[in-house]
Amino acid sequence: MCCLKNEEEAYEELNSRLPHIGSHVKTAEGLDAEVQSVSVLKQLVKVIVFLDDGEKEVREYRVDELKFRPNKSKNRIKDKHDKELKKLEAMEAKETEIINDQEYEKAGPVVYSSRAVMEFKAKTEECFRPID
């Protein structure tokens, strides 16, 4: 079932980039046209173009060659993805917090070697020595 859900999401995403059948679009040549059919996977749109002399002609265009108002479903899909992303980010932050807490508990108290302590004291004493 998992692969079907992914396939459905991919199809919805591709479909959201296409105009609806029956909607009006503008071609790359600046002609008005009405969408007759769409090929979701190929991202092609078949339109009826209205020519200047009153004739009609069927042509096929890539979706990026047409101008049209985006589908509202695209925004709905984006909102859905944004919600899922926020949920996943919250889960990841919580997991990271738990891991950090566990690492802190494992580490226990910090133990410094006597050499490191002596070096630290020497550096700090040097910094705070009174100026003659």
Protein backbone atom coordinates (compact mmCIF):
# COMPACT_ATOMS: atom_id res chain seq x y z
CA MET A 1 0.00 0.00 0.00
CA CYS A 2 2.92 2.31 0.66
CA CYS A 3 3.99 2.40 -2.99
CA LEU A 4 0.41 3.15 -4.09
CA LYS A 5 0.30 6.16 -1.76
CA ASN A 6 3.56 7.47 -3.22
CA GLU A 7 2.26 6.87 -6.75
CA GLU A 8 -0.95 8.72 -5.94
CA GLU A 9 0.98 11.68 -4.50
CA ALA A 10 3.23 11.84 -7.56
CA TYR A 11 0.20 11.72 -9.86
CA GLU A 12 -1.56 14.47 -7.85
CA GLU A 13 1.56 16.63 -8.01
CA LEU A 14 1.88 16.21 -11.79
CA ASN A 15 -1.85 16.75 -12.30
CA SER A 16 -1.78 19.94 -10.25
CA ARG A 17 0.53 21.51 -12.85
CA LEU A 18 -2.02 21.04 -15.64
CA PRO A 19 -5.08 23.15 -16.55
CA HIS A 20 -8.54 21.62 -16.19
CA ILE A 21 -10.33 20.23 -19.24
CA GLY A 22 -12.62 22.94 -20.60
CA SER A 23 -10.60 25.81 -19.14
CA HIS A 24 -9.28 28.61 -21.33
CA VAL A 25 -5.55 29.07 -21.86
CA LYS A 26 -3.22 31.27 -23.90
CA THR A 27 -0.71 29.57 -26.23
CA ALA A 28 2.94 30.55 -26.74
CA GLU A 29 1.83 32.32 -29.95
CA GLY A 30 -0.67 34.40 -27.98
CA LEU A 31 -3.76 32.57 -29.29
CA ASP A 32 -6.78 31.80 -27.15
CA ALA A 33 -7.53 28.12 -26.71
CA GLU A 34 -9.73 25.71 -24.78
CA VAL A 35 -8.29 22.60 -23.13
CA GLN A 36 -9.60 19.42 -24.78
CA SER A 37 -7.47 16.78 -23.00
CA VAL A 38 -4.34 16.37 -20.88
CA SER A 39 -1.61 13.76 -20.58
CA VAL A 40 -0.57 13.82 -16.94
CA LEU A 41 2.59 11.74 -17.21
CA LYS A 42 3.84 13.41 -20.42
CA GLN A 43 2.73 16.88 -19.19
CA LEU A 44 1.10 17.58 -22.57
CA VAL A 45 -2.11 19.51 -23.18
CA LYS A 46 -4.31 19.13 -26.27
CA VAL A 47 -6.23 22.33 -27.02
CA ILE A 48 -8.70 23.73 -29.52
CA VAL A 49 -7.09 26.93 -30.81
CA PHE A 50 -9.30 29.78 -31.99
CA LEU A 51 -7.60 31.30 -35.04
CA ASP A 52 -8.00 34.91 -36.16
CA ASP A 53 -10.10 33.98 -39.22
CA GLY A 54 -12.68 32.24 -37.00
CA GLU A 55 -11.34 28.75 -37.73
CA LYS A 56 -10.62 26.23 -34.98
CA GLU A 57 -7.66 23.91 -34.91
CA VAL A 58 -6.54 21.14 -32.52
CA ARG A 59 -2.95 21.46 -31.32
CA GLU A 60 -0.82 19.90 -28.61
CA TYR A 61 1.50 21.86 -26.29
CA ARG A 62 3.82 21.16 -23.40
CA VAL A 63 2.30 22.57 -20.22
CA ASP A 64 5.14 25.10 -19.87
CA GLU A 65 4.19 26.58 -23.28
CA LEU A 66 0.73 27.64 -22.04
CA LYS A 67 -0.43 30.44 -19.79
CA PHE A 68 -3.29 29.72 -17.41
CA ARG A 69 -4.40 30.21 -13.86
CA PRO A 70 -2.95 27.52 -11.60
CA ASN A 71 -5.30 24.95 -10.12
CA LYS A 72 -6.43 25.49 -6.56
CA SER A 73 -5.64 21.84 -5.91
CA LYS A 74 -1.94 22.71 -6.28
CA ASN A 75 -2.17 24.95 -3.23
CA ARG A 76 -4.08 22.27 -1.35
CA ILE A 77 -1.39 19.69 -2.14
CA LYS A 78 1.35 22.15 -1.13
CA ASP A 79 -0.44 22.83 2.17
CA LYS A 80 -0.75 19.09 2.76
CA HIS A 81 2.96 18.60 2.09
CA ASP A 82 3.87 21.55 4.31
CA LYS A 83 1.84 20.09 7.20
CA GLU A 84 3.48 16.68 6.75
CA LEU A 85 6.91 18.31 6.62
CA LYS A 86 6.30 20.27 9.83
CA LYS A 87 5.10 17.11 11.54
CA LEU A 88 8.23 15.23 10.46
CA GLU A 89 10.48 18.10 11.55
CA ALA A 90 8.82 18.14 14.98
CA MET A 91 9.33 14.37 15.29
CA GLU A 92 12.96 14.72 14.27
CA ALA A 93 13.55 17.53 16.77
CA LYS A 94 12.00 15.43 19.54
CA GLU A 95 14.16 12.42 18.61
CA THR A 96 17.28 14.61 18.55
CA GLU A 97 16.40 15.99 21.98
CA ILE A 98 15.94 12.48 23.37
CA ILE A 99 19.25 11.32 21.87
CA ASN A 100 21.05 14.37 23.29
CA ASP A 101 19.55 13.73 26.72
CA GLN A 102 20.63 10.08 26.58
CA GLU A 103 24.16 11.03 25.50
CA TYR A 104 24.37 13.55 28.36
CA GLU A 105 23.22 10.94 30.86
CA LYS A 106 25.75 8.40 29.52
CA ALA A 107 28.63 10.87 29.77
CA GLY A 108 28.17 11.45 33.50
CA PRO A 109 30.25 14.09 35.21
CA VAL A 110 33.00 15.69 33.16
CA VAL A 111 36.47 14.69 34.34
CA TYR A 112 39.48 16.75 33.36
CA SER A 113 43.04 15.54 33.57
CA SER A 114 45.26 17.31 36.08
CA ARG A 115 47.47 18.50 33.21
CA ALA A 116 44.49 20.15 31.46
CA VAL A 117 43.45 21.83 34.72
CA MET A 118 46.99 23.16 35.29
CA GLU A 119 47.19 24.49 31.72
CA PHE A 120 43.82 26.21 32.12
CA LYS A 121 44.89 27.81 35.43
CA ALA A 122 48.13 29.05 33.88
CA LYS A 123 46.29 30.66 30.95
CA THR A 124 43.66 32.33 33.14
CA GLU A 125 46.24 33.61 35.63
CA GLU A 126 48.18 35.09 32.73
CA CYS A 127 45.04 36.86 31.48
CA PHE A 128 44.18 38.33 34.88
CA ARG A 129 47.70 39.30 35.98
CA PRO A 130 47.83 42.95 37.12
CA ILE A 131 49.54 45.36 34.75
CA ASP A 132 52.77 46.85 36.22
